[in-house]
PDB file of N, CA and C in Angstrom:
ATOM      1  N   MET A   1      43.189 -35.887 -44.745  1.00  0.00           N
ATOM      2  CA  MET A   1      42.454 -36.736 -43.525  1.00  0.00           C
ATOM      3  C   MET A   1      41.979 -35.387 -42.825  1.00  0.00           C
ATOM      4  N   ASN A   2      40.358 -35.136 -42.657  1.00  0.00           N
ATOM      5  CA  ASN A   2      40.093 -34.191 -41.771  1.00  0.00           C
ATOM      6  C   ASN A   2      39.398 -34.769 -40.248  1.00  0.00           C
ATOM      7  N   THR A   3      40.392 -33.632 -39.513  1.00  0.00           N
ATOM      8  CA  THR A   3      40.332 -34.464 -38.036  1.00  0.00           C
ATOM      9  C   THR A   3      39.295 -33.698 -37.418  1.00  0.00           C
ATOM     10  N   HIS A   4      38.803 -34.541 -36.081  1.00  0.00           N
ATOM     11  CA  HIS A   4      37.382 -33.567 -35.611  1.00  0.00           C
ATOM     12  C   HIS A   4      38.289 -32.389 -34.937  1.00  0.00           C
ATOM     13  N   GLY A   5      39.164 -31.838 -34.538  1.00  0.00           N
ATOM     14  CA  GLY A   5      39.530 -30.413 -34.252  1.00  0.00           C
ATOM     15  C   GLY A   5      39.534 -29.581 -35.068  1.00  0.00           C
ATOM     16  N   SER A   6      39.847 -29.687 -35.979  1.00  0.00           N
ATOM     17  CA  SER A   6      40.061 -28.977 -37.074  1.00  0.00           C
ATOM     18  C   SER A   6      38.812 -28.427 -37.748  1.00  0.00           C
ATOM     19  N   SER A   7      37.494 -29.077 -37.250  1.00  0.00           N
ATOM     20  CA  SER A   7      36.289 -28.276 -37.732  1.00  0.00           C
ATOM     21  C   SER A   7      35.731 -27.475 -36.773  1.00  0.00           C
ATOM     22  N   ARG A   8      36.438 -27.434 -35.627  1.00  0.00           N
ATOM     23  CA  ARG A   8      35.805 -26.675 -34.642  1.00  0.00           C
ATOM     24  C   ARG A   8      36.414 -25.239 -34.474  1.00  0.00           C
ATOM     25  N   VAL A   9      37.064 -24.960 -35.534  1.00  0.00           N
ATOM     26  CA  VAL A   9      38.286 -23.873 -35.149  1.00  0.00           C
ATOM     27  C   VAL A   9      37.255 -22.700 -35.843  1.00  0.00           C
ATOM     28  N   PRO A  10      36.531 -22.840 -36.511  1.00  0.00           N
ATOM     29  CA  PRO A  10      35.732 -21.922 -37.226  1.00  0.00           C
ATOM     30  C   PRO A  10      34.295 -21.395 -35.964  1.00  0.00           C
ATOM     31  N   TYR A  11      34.113 -22.569 -35.309  1.00  0.00           N
ATOM     32  CA  TYR A  11      33.024 -22.256 -34.470  1.00  0.00           C
ATOM     33  C   TYR A  11      33.834 -21.530 -33.184  1.00  0.00           C
ATOM     34  N   LEU A  12      34.942 -21.957 -33.142  1.00  0.00           N
ATOM     35  CA  LEU A  12      35.880 -21.397 -32.377  1.00  0.00           C
ATOM     36  C   LEU A  12      36.056 -19.849 -32.206  1.00  0.00           C
ATOM     37  N   ILE A  13      36.365 -19.155 -33.272  1.00  0.00           N
ATOM     38  CA  ILE A  13      36.593 -18.016 -33.765  1.00  0.00           C
ATOM     39  C   ILE A  13      35.366 -16.994 -33.624  1.00  0.00           C
ATOM     40  N   PHE A  14      34.417 -17.628 -34.342  1.00  0.00           N
ATOM     41  CA  PHE A  14      33.158 -17.166 -34.057  1.00  0.00           C
ATOM     42  C   PHE A  14      32.303 -16.730 -32.789  1.00  0.00           C
ATOM     43  N   ALA A  15      32.753 -17.829 -32.063  1.00  0.00           N
ATOM     44  CA  ALA A  15      32.323 -17.647 -30.437  1.00  0.00           C
ATOM     45  C   ALA A  15      33.287 -16.648 -29.645  1.00  0.00           C
ATOM     46  N   GLY A  16      34.478 -16.391 -30.316  1.00  0.00           N
ATOM     47  CA  GLY A  16      35.291 -15.489 -29.559  1.00  0.00           C
ATOM     48  C   GLY A  16      34.903 -14.405 -29.961  1.00  0.00           C
ATOM     49  N   LEU A  17      34.785 -14.326 -31.180  1.00  0.00           N
ATOM     50  CA  LEU A  17      34.216 -12.777 -32.062  1.00  0.00           C
ATOM     51  C   LEU A  17      33.001 -12.105 -31.451  1.00  0.00           C
ATOM     52  N   GLY A  18      32.104 -13.206 -31.032  1.00  0.00           N
ATOM     53  CA  GLY A  18      30.913 -12.876 -30.265  1.00  0.00           C
ATOM     54  C   GLY A  18      31.163 -12.463 -29.067  1.00  0.00           C
ATOM     55  N   ALA A  19      31.943 -12.901 -28.412  1.00  0.00           N
ATOM     56  CA  ALA A  19      32.040 -13.040 -26.619  1.00  0.00           C
ATOM     57  C   ALA A  19      32.436 -11.478 -26.734  1.00  0.00           C
ATOM     58  N   ILE A  20      33.603 -11.178 -27.332  1.00  0.00           N
ATOM     59  CA  ILE A  20      34.349  -9.781 -27.652  1.00  0.00           C
ATOM     60  C   ILE A  20      33.178  -8.766 -28.204  1.00  0.00           C
ATOM     61  N   GLY A  21      32.577  -8.718 -28.931  1.00  0.00           N
ATOM     62  CA  GLY A  21      31.574  -7.982 -29.279  1.00  0.00           C
ATOM     63  C   GLY A  21      30.460  -7.853 -27.893  1.00  0.00           C
ATOM     64  N   GLY A  22      30.033  -8.878 -27.470  1.00  0.00           N
ATOM     65  CA  GLY A  22      29.048  -8.907 -26.842  1.00  0.00           C
ATOM     66  C   GLY A  22      29.374  -8.247 -25.278  1.00  0.00           C
ATOM     67  N   ALA A  23      30.806  -8.400 -25.061  1.00  0.00           N
ATOM     68  CA  ALA A  23      31.538  -7.578 -23.831  1.00  0.00           C
ATOM     69  C   ALA A  23      31.528  -6.438 -23.966  1.00  0.00           C
ATOM     70  N   LEU A  24      31.777  -5.429 -25.182  1.00  0.00           N
ATOM     71  CA  LEU A  24      32.176  -4.155 -25.733  1.00  0.00           C
ATOM     72  C   LEU A  24      30.613  -3.323 -25.642  1.00  0.00           C
ATOM     73  N   SER A  25      29.660  -4.355 -26.329  1.00  0.00           N
ATOM     74  CA  SER A  25      28.032  -3.724 -26.191  1.00  0.00           C
ATOM     75  C   SER A  25      27.981  -3.642 -24.647  1.00  0.00           C
ATOM     76  N   VAL A  26      27.975  -4.478 -23.979  1.00  0.00           N
ATOM     77  CA  VAL A  26      27.789  -4.304 -22.454  1.00  0.00           C
ATOM     78  C   VAL A  26      27.989  -3.214 -21.837  1.00  0.00           C
ATOM     79  N   LEU A  27      29.461  -3.040 -21.953  1.00  0.00           N
ATOM     80  CA  LEU A  27      30.226  -1.884 -21.261  1.00  0.00           C
ATOM     81  C   LEU A  27      29.362  -0.268 -21.782  1.00  0.00           C
ATOM     82  N   LEU A  28      29.401  -0.786 -23.372  1.00  0.00           N
ATOM     83  CA  LEU A  28      28.326   0.871 -23.878  1.00  0.00           C
ATOM     84  C   LEU A  28      27.413   0.707 -23.176  1.00  0.00           C
ATOM     85  N   ALA A  29      26.104   0.085 -23.119  1.00  0.00           N
ATOM     86  CA  ALA A  29      25.150  -0.283 -22.643  1.00  0.00           C
ATOM     87  C   ALA A  29      24.873   0.025 -21.233  1.00  0.00           C
ATOM     88  N   ARG A  30      26.055   0.002 -20.328  1.00  0.00           N
ATOM     89  CA  ARG A  30      25.971   0.086 -19.276  1.00  0.00           C
ATOM     90  C   ARG A  30      26.198   1.421 -19.028  1.00  0.00           C
ATOM     91  N   LYS A  31      27.075   2.073 -19.529  1.00  0.00           N
ATOM     92  CA  LYS A  31      27.361   3.636 -19.533  1.00  0.00           C
ATOM     93  C   LYS A  31      25.870   4.628 -19.515  1.00  0.00           C
ATOM     94  N   GLU A  32      25.491   4.015 -20.693  1.00  0.00           N
ATOM     95  CA  GLU A  32      24.255   5.002 -21.161  1.00  0.00           C
ATOM     96  C   GLU A  32      22.932   4.418 -20.184  1.00  0.00           C
ATOM     97  N   SER A  33      23.057   3.362 -19.656  1.00  0.00           N
ATOM     98  CA  SER A  33      21.867   2.975 -18.527  1.00  0.00           C
ATOM     99  C   SER A  33      22.088   3.665 -17.350  1.00  0.00           C
ATOM    100  N   ARG A  34      23.630   3.515 -16.724  1.00  0.00           N
ATOM    101  CA  ARG A  34      23.736   4.476 -15.624  1.00  0.00           C
ATOM    102  C   ARG A  34      23.231   5.905 -15.822  1.00  0.00           C
ATOM    103  N   GLU A  35      23.594   6.486 -17.036  1.00  0.00           N
ATOM    104  CA  GLU A  35      23.128   8.085 -17.506  1.00  0.00           C
ATOM    105  C   GLU A  35      21.744   8.083 -17.319  1.00  0.00           C
ATOM    106  N   ARG A  36      20.911   7.081 -17.944  1.00  0.00           N
ATOM    107  CA  ARG A  36      19.782   7.435 -18.100  1.00  0.00           C
ATOM    108  C   ARG A  36      18.920   7.294 -16.395  1.00  0.00           C
ATOM    109  N   ILE A  37      19.647   6.294 -16.013  1.00  0.00           N
ATOM    110  CA  ILE A  37      19.072   6.001 -14.323  1.00  0.00           C
ATOM    111  C   ILE A  37      19.128   7.288 -13.590  1.00  0.00           C
ATOM    112  N   LEU A  38      20.531   7.976 -13.775  1.00  0.00           N
ATOM    113  CA  LEU A  38      20.963   9.261 -12.692  1.00  0.00           C
ATOM    114  C   LEU A  38      19.931  10.344 -13.297  1.00  0.00           C
ATOM    115  N   GLU A  39      19.263  10.212 -14.504  1.00  0.00           N
ATOM    116  CA  GLU A  39      18.501  11.349 -15.048  1.00  0.00           C
ATOM    117  C   GLU A  39      17.351  11.219 -14.241  1.00  0.00           C
ATOM    118  N   GLN A  40      16.693   9.877 -14.404  1.00  0.00           N
ATOM    119  CA  GLN A  40      15.488   9.739 -14.283  1.00  0.00           C
ATOM    120  C   GLN A  40      15.347   9.469 -12.521  1.00  0.00           C
ATOM    121  N   SER A  41      16.411   9.233 -11.870  1.00  0.00           N
ATOM    122  CA  SER A  41      15.807   9.614 -10.467  1.00  0.00           C
ATOM    123  C   SER A  41      16.120  10.905 -10.041  1.00  0.00           C
ATOM    124  N   ALA A  42      16.993  11.741 -10.876  1.00  0.00           N
ATOM    125  CA  ALA A  42      17.015  13.269 -10.558  1.00  0.00           C
ATOM    126  C   ALA A  42      15.777  13.787 -10.762  1.00  0.00           C
ATOM    127  N   LYS A  43      15.158  13.391 -11.787  1.00  0.00           N
ATOM    128  CA  LYS A  43      13.345  13.934 -12.261  1.00  0.00           C
ATOM    129  C   LYS A  43      12.704  13.469 -11.106  1.00  0.00           C
ATOM    130  N   GLY A  44      12.851  12.059 -10.554  1.00  0.00           N
ATOM    131  CA  GLY A  44      11.969  11.729  -9.547  1.00  0.00           C
ATOM    132  C   GLY A  44      11.878  12.238  -8.245  1.00  0.00           C
ATOM    133  N   LEU A  45      13.397  12.514  -8.012  1.00  0.00           N
ATOM    134  CA  LEU A  45      13.731  13.173  -6.835  1.00  0.00           C
ATOM    135  C   LEU A  45      12.750  14.817  -6.640  1.00  0.00           C
ATOM    136  N   GLU A  46      13.147  15.571  -7.596  1.00  0.00           N
ATOM    137  CA  GLU A  46      12.817  16.581  -7.694  1.00  0.00           C
ATOM    138  C   GLU A  46      11.003  17.017  -7.802  1.00  0.00           C
ATOM    139  N   TYR A  47      10.768  15.672  -8.362  1.00  0.00           N
ATOM    140  CA  TYR A  47       8.788  15.710  -8.348  1.00  0.00           C
ATOM    141  C   TYR A  47       8.134  15.510  -6.850  1.00  0.00           C
ATOM    142  N   LEU A  48       9.315  14.297  -5.995  1.00  0.00           N
ATOM    143  CA  LEU A  48       8.722  14.344  -4.746  1.00  0.00           C
ATOM    144  C   LEU A  48       9.270  15.685  -3.768  1.00  0.00           C
ATOM    145  N   ASN A  49       9.895  16.119  -4.114  1.00  0.00           N
ATOM    146  CA  ASN A  49      10.473  17.779  -3.371  1.00  0.00           C
ATOM    147  C   ASN A  49       9.167  18.599  -3.752  1.00  0.00           C
ATOM    148  N   GLN A  50       8.668  18.614  -4.774  1.00  0.00           N
ATOM    149  CA  GLN A  50       7.839  19.569  -5.173  1.00  0.00           C
ATOM    150  C   GLN A  50       6.646  19.215  -4.876  1.00  0.00           C
ATOM    151  N   THR A  51       6.333  17.895  -4.895  1.00  0.00           N
ATOM    152  CA  THR A  51       5.069  17.603  -4.177  1.00  0.00           C
ATOM    153  C   THR A  51       4.599  17.521  -2.809  1.00  0.00           C
ATOM    154  N   GLY A  52       6.109  17.295  -2.079  1.00  0.00           N
ATOM    155  CA  GLY A  52       5.753  17.266  -0.744  1.00  0.00           C
ATOM    156  C   GLY A  52       5.568  19.105  -0.081  1.00  0.00           C
ATOM    157  N   ALA A  53       6.610  20.295  -0.850  1.00  0.00           N
ATOM    158  CA  ALA A  53       6.244  21.087  -0.511  1.00  0.00           C
ATOM    159  C   ALA A  53       4.883  21.377  -0.808  1.00  0.00           C
ATOM    160  N   LYS A  54       4.034  21.151  -1.491  1.00  0.00           N
ATOM    161  CA  LYS A  54       3.062  21.590  -1.531  1.00  0.00           C
ATOM    162  C   LYS A  54       1.744  21.134  -0.857  1.00  0.00           C
ATOM    163  N   LEU A  55       2.467  19.890  -0.380  1.00  0.00           N
ATOM    164  CA  LEU A  55       1.441  19.124   0.806  1.00  0.00           C
ATOM    165  C   LEU A  55       1.457  19.488   2.253  1.00  0.00           C
ATOM    166  N   ARG A  56       2.836  20.326   2.297  1.00  0.00           N
ATOM    167  CA  ARG A  56       3.350  20.695   3.297  1.00  0.00           C
ATOM    168  C   ARG A  56       2.435  22.279   3.496  1.00  0.00           C
ATOM    169  N   GLU A  57       2.465  22.782   2.478  1.00  0.00           N
ATOM    170  CA  GLU A  57       1.612  24.262   2.246  1.00  0.00           C
ATOM    171  C   GLU A  57       0.288  24.044   2.760  1.00  0.00           C
ATOM    172  N   ARG A  58      -0.518  23.091   1.943  1.00  0.00           N
ATOM    173  CA  ARG A  58      -1.573  22.602   2.000  1.00  0.00           C
ATOM    174  C   ARG A  58      -2.006  22.617   3.706  1.00  0.00           C
ATOM    175  N   THR A  59      -1.443  21.786   4.156  1.00  0.00           N
ATOM    176  CA  THR A  59      -1.878  21.060   5.697  1.00  0.00           C
ATOM    177  C   THR A  59      -1.086  21.908   6.763  1.00  0.00           C
ATOM    178  N   GLU A  60      -0.615  23.167   6.556  1.00  0.00           N
ATOM    179  CA  GLU A  60       0.204  23.857   7.501  1.00  0.00           C
ATOM    180  C   GLU A  60      -1.657  24.361   8.204  1.00  0.00           C
ATOM    181  N   GLY A  61      -2.434  24.946   7.552  1.00  0.00           N
ATOM    182  CA  GLY A  61      -3.792  25.582   8.156  1.00  0.00           C
ATOM    183  C   GLY A  61      -4.638  24.656   8.860  1.00  0.00           C
ATOM    184  N   ILE A  62      -4.665  23.605   8.091  1.00  0.00           N
ATOM    185  CA  ILE A  62      -5.428  22.096   9.139  1.00  0.00           C
ATOM    186  C   ILE A  62      -4.690  22.027  10.135  1.00  0.00           C
ATOM    187  N   VAL A  63      -3.097  21.744  10.233  1.00  0.00           N
ATOM    188  CA  VAL A  63      -2.571  21.044  11.295  1.00  0.00           C
ATOM    189  C   VAL A  63      -2.675  22.244  12.683  1.00  0.00           C
ATOM    190  N   GLY A  64      -2.525  23.809  12.454  1.00  0.00           N
ATOM    191  CA  GLY A  64      -2.629  24.767  12.897  1.00  0.00           C
ATOM    192  C   GLY A  64      -3.877  24.753  14.154  1.00  0.00           C
ATOM    193  N   LYS A  65      -5.062  24.768  13.019  1.00  0.00           N
ATOM    194  CA  LYS A  65      -6.500  24.444  13.758  1.00  0.00           C
ATOM    195  C   LYS A  65      -6.597  23.252  14.341  1.00  0.00           C
ATOM    196  N   GLY A  66      -6.056  22.340  14.035  1.00  0.00           N
ATOM    197  CA  GLY A  66      -6.305  20.994  14.897  1.00  0.00           C
ATOM    198  C   GLY A  66      -5.467  21.145  16.066  1.00  0.00           C
ATOM    199  N   ARG A  67      -4.571  21.542  16.051  1.00  0.00           N
ATOM    200  CA  ARG A  67      -3.525  22.055  17.528  1.00  0.00           C
ATOM    201  C   ARG A  67      -4.503  22.819  18.455  1.00  0.00           C
ATOM    202  N   GLU A  68      -4.872  23.975  17.869  1.00  0.00           N
ATOM    203  CA  GLU A  68      -6.105  24.867  18.418  1.00  0.00           C
ATOM    204  C   GLU A  68      -7.228  24.033  18.857  1.00  0.00           C
ATOM    205  N   LEU A  69      -7.580  23.336  18.295  1.00  0.00           N
ATOM    206  CA  LEU A  69      -8.667  22.441  19.008  1.00  0.00           C
ATOM    207  C   LEU A  69      -8.325  21.433  19.949  1.00  0.00           C
ATOM    208  N   MET A  70      -7.203  20.829  19.879  1.00  0.00           N
ATOM    209  CA  MET A  70      -6.514  20.023  21.032  1.00  0.00           C
ATOM    210  C   MET A  70      -6.206  20.763  21.935  1.00  0.00           C
ATOM    211  N   SER A  71      -5.839  21.690  22.207  1.00  0.00           N
ATOM    212  CA  SER A  71      -5.265  22.468  23.291  1.00  0.00           C
ATOM    213  C   SER A  71      -6.439  23.200  24.144  1.00  0.00           C
ATOM    214  N   GLY A  72      -7.579  23.182  23.482  1.00  0.00           N
ATOM    215  CA  GLY A  72      -8.744  23.942  24.281  1.00  0.00           C
ATOM    216  C   GLY A  72      -9.200  22.748  24.840  1.00  0.00           C
ATOM    217  N   CYS A  73      -9.197  21.477  24.102  1.00  0.00           N
ATOM    218  CA  CYS A  73     -10.239  20.335  24.922  1.00  0.00           C
ATOM    219  C   CYS A  73      -9.280  19.418  26.082  1.00  0.00           C
ATOM    220  N   CYS A  74      -8.324  19.532  25.817  1.00  0.00           N
ATOM    221  CA  CYS A  74      -7.037  18.833  26.723  1.00  0.00           C
ATOM    222  C   CYS A  74      -7.053  19.303  28.297  1.00  0.00           C
ATOM    223  N   ALA A  75      -7.281  18.547  28.960  1.00  0.00           N
ATOM    224  CA  ALA A  75      -7.289  19.236  30.505  1.00  0.00           C
ATOM    225  C   ALA A  75      -6.016  19.394  30.546  1.00  0.00           C
ATOM    226  N   SER A  76      -5.901  20.214  32.198  1.00  0.00           N
ATOM    227  CA  SER A  76      -4.402  20.045  32.434  1.00  0.00           C
ATOM    228  C   SER A  76      -4.584  19.315  33.716  1.00  0.00           C
ATOM    229  N   PRO A  77      -3.549  18.739  34.112  1.00  0.00           N
ATOM    230  CA  PRO A  77      -3.448  18.141  35.435  1.00  0.00           C
ATOM    231  C   PRO A  77      -4.614  18.458  36.394  1.00  0.00           C
ATOM    232  N   GLU A  78      -4.364  19.748  36.947  1.00  0.00           N
ATOM    233  CA  GLU A  78      -5.015  20.207  37.647  1.00  0.00           C
ATOM    234  C   GLU A  78      -6.318  20.218  37.721  1.00  0.00           C
ATOM    235  N   GLN A  79      -7.126  20.597  36.647  1.00  0.00           N
ATOM    236  CA  GLN A  79      -8.350  20.551  35.959  1.00  0.00           C
ATOM    237  C   GLN A  79      -9.008  19.153  36.369  1.00  0.00           C
ATOM    238  N   SER A  80      -8.239  18.159  35.958  1.00  0.00           N
ATOM    239  CA  SER A  80      -8.582  16.911  36.093  1.00  0.00           C
ATOM    240  C   SER A  80      -8.802  16.469  37.425  1.00  0.00           C
ATOM    241  N   LYS A  81      -8.038  17.020  38.533  1.00  0.00           N
ATOM    242  CA  LYS A  81      -7.955  16.502  39.759  1.00  0.00           C
ATOM    243  C   LYS A  81      -9.516  17.217  40.353  1.00  0.00           C
ATOM    244  N   ASP A  82      -9.533  18.596  39.676  1.00  0.00           N
ATOM    245  CA  ASP A  82     -10.633  19.309  40.219  1.00  0.00           C
ATOM    246  C   ASP A  82     -11.833  18.297  39.776  1.00  0.00           C
ATOM    247  N   SER A  83     -11.498  17.893  38.517  1.00  0.00           N
ATOM    248  CA  SER A  83     -13.095  17.548  38.127  1.00  0.00           C
ATOM    249  C   SER A  83     -13.424  15.995  38.439  1.00  0.00           C
ATOM    250  N   THR A  84     -12.610  15.338  39.132  1.00  0.00           N
ATOM    251  CA  THR A  84     -12.334  13.951  39.773  1.00  0.00           C
ATOM    252  C   THR A  84     -13.115  14.153  41.609  1.00  0.00           C
ATOM    253  N   ALA A  85     -12.727  15.392  42.023  1.00  0.00           N
ATOM    254  CA  ALA A  85     -12.987  15.706  43.155  1.00  0.00           C
ATOM    255  C   ALA A  85     -14.606  16.339  43.404  1.00  0.00           C
ATOM    256  N   GLN A  86     -14.831  16.944  42.127  1.00  0.00           N
ATOM    257  CA  GLN A  86     -16.239  17.081  42.148  1.00  0.00           C
ATOM    258  C   GLN A  86     -17.240  15.564  41.764  1.00  0.00           C
ATOM    259  N   ALA A  87     -16.577  15.053  41.321  1.00  0.00           N
ATOM    260  CA  ALA A  87     -17.643  13.447  41.057  1.00  0.00           C
ATOM    261  C   ALA A  87     -17.748  12.941  41.837  1.00  0.00           C
ATOM    262  N   GLU A  88     -16.640  13.182  43.284  1.00  0.00           N
ATOM    263  CA  GLU A  88     -16.785  12.165  44.384  1.00  0.00           C
ATOM    264  C   GLU A  88     -17.836  12.699  44.991  1.00  0.00           C
ATOM    265  N   GLN A  89     -17.802  14.196  45.011  1.00  0.00           N
ATOM    266  CA  GLN A  89     -18.816  14.878  45.699  1.00  0.00           C
ATOM    267  C   GLN A  89     -20.002  14.537  45.540  1.00  0.00           C
ATOM    268  N   GLY A  90     -20.478  14.229  43.714  1.00  0.00           N
ATOM    269  CA  GLY A  90     -21.573  14.274  43.238  1.00  0.00           C
ATOM    270  C   GLY A  90     -22.384  15.693  42.889  1.00  0.00           C
ATOM    271  N   ASP A  91     -21.254  16.534  42.773  1.00  0.00           N
ATOM    272  CA  ASP A  91     -20.971  17.987  41.563  1.00  0.00           C
ATOM    273  C   ASP A  91     -21.147  17.567  40.286  1.00  0.00           C
ATOM    274  N   LYS A  92     -21.919  18.625  39.628  1.00  0.00           N
ATOM    275  CA  LYS A  92     -21.709  18.756  38.401  1.00  0.00           C
ATOM    276  C   LYS A  92     -20.950  19.253  37.809  1.00  0.00           C
ATOM    277  N   PRO A  93     -19.513  19.213  37.086  1.00  0.00           N
ATOM    278  CA  PRO A  93     -18.734  19.944  36.894  1.00  0.00           C
ATOM    279  C   PRO A  93     -19.046  21.065  36.037  1.00  0.00           C
ATOM    280  N   GLU A  94     -18.462  22.216  35.848  1.00  0.00           N
ATOM    281  CA  GLU A  94     -18.584  23.332  35.100  1.00  0.00           C
ATOM    282  C   GLU A  94     -18.166  22.844  33.898  1.00  0.00           C
ATOM    283  N   ILE A  95     -18.868  23.499  32.808  1.00  0.00           N
ATOM    284  CA  ILE A  95     -18.957  23.317  31.055  1.00  0.00           C
ATOM    285  C   ILE A  95     -18.602  24.611  30.711  1.00  0.00           C
ATOM    286  N   HIS A  96     -17.175  24.670  30.103  1.00  0.00           N
ATOM    287  CA  HIS A  96     -17.008  26.051  29.546  1.00  0.00           C
ATOM    288  C   HIS A  96     -17.707  26.583  28.336  1.00  0.00           C
TER     289      HIS A  96
END
């Protein structure tokens, strides 16, 4: 007589072997994945550092010129008081 429990034994054995094989493959793949992710992130970080350095080199002159221009056109508080007093008196402010 064949019982229902004995027909399930081979399926359970194959399922157990499959689970063990799957667990081992995940462990091996996880190590390789971590190594690959570390390599790729190191390459990406190096690229960003190089690009940032190039960008800083290119913009140093532009930022310096912008600061010069802004320092020339921005008035000090004393100059703004003088121009306000002249405007109230109706005098035209001097243009430099």
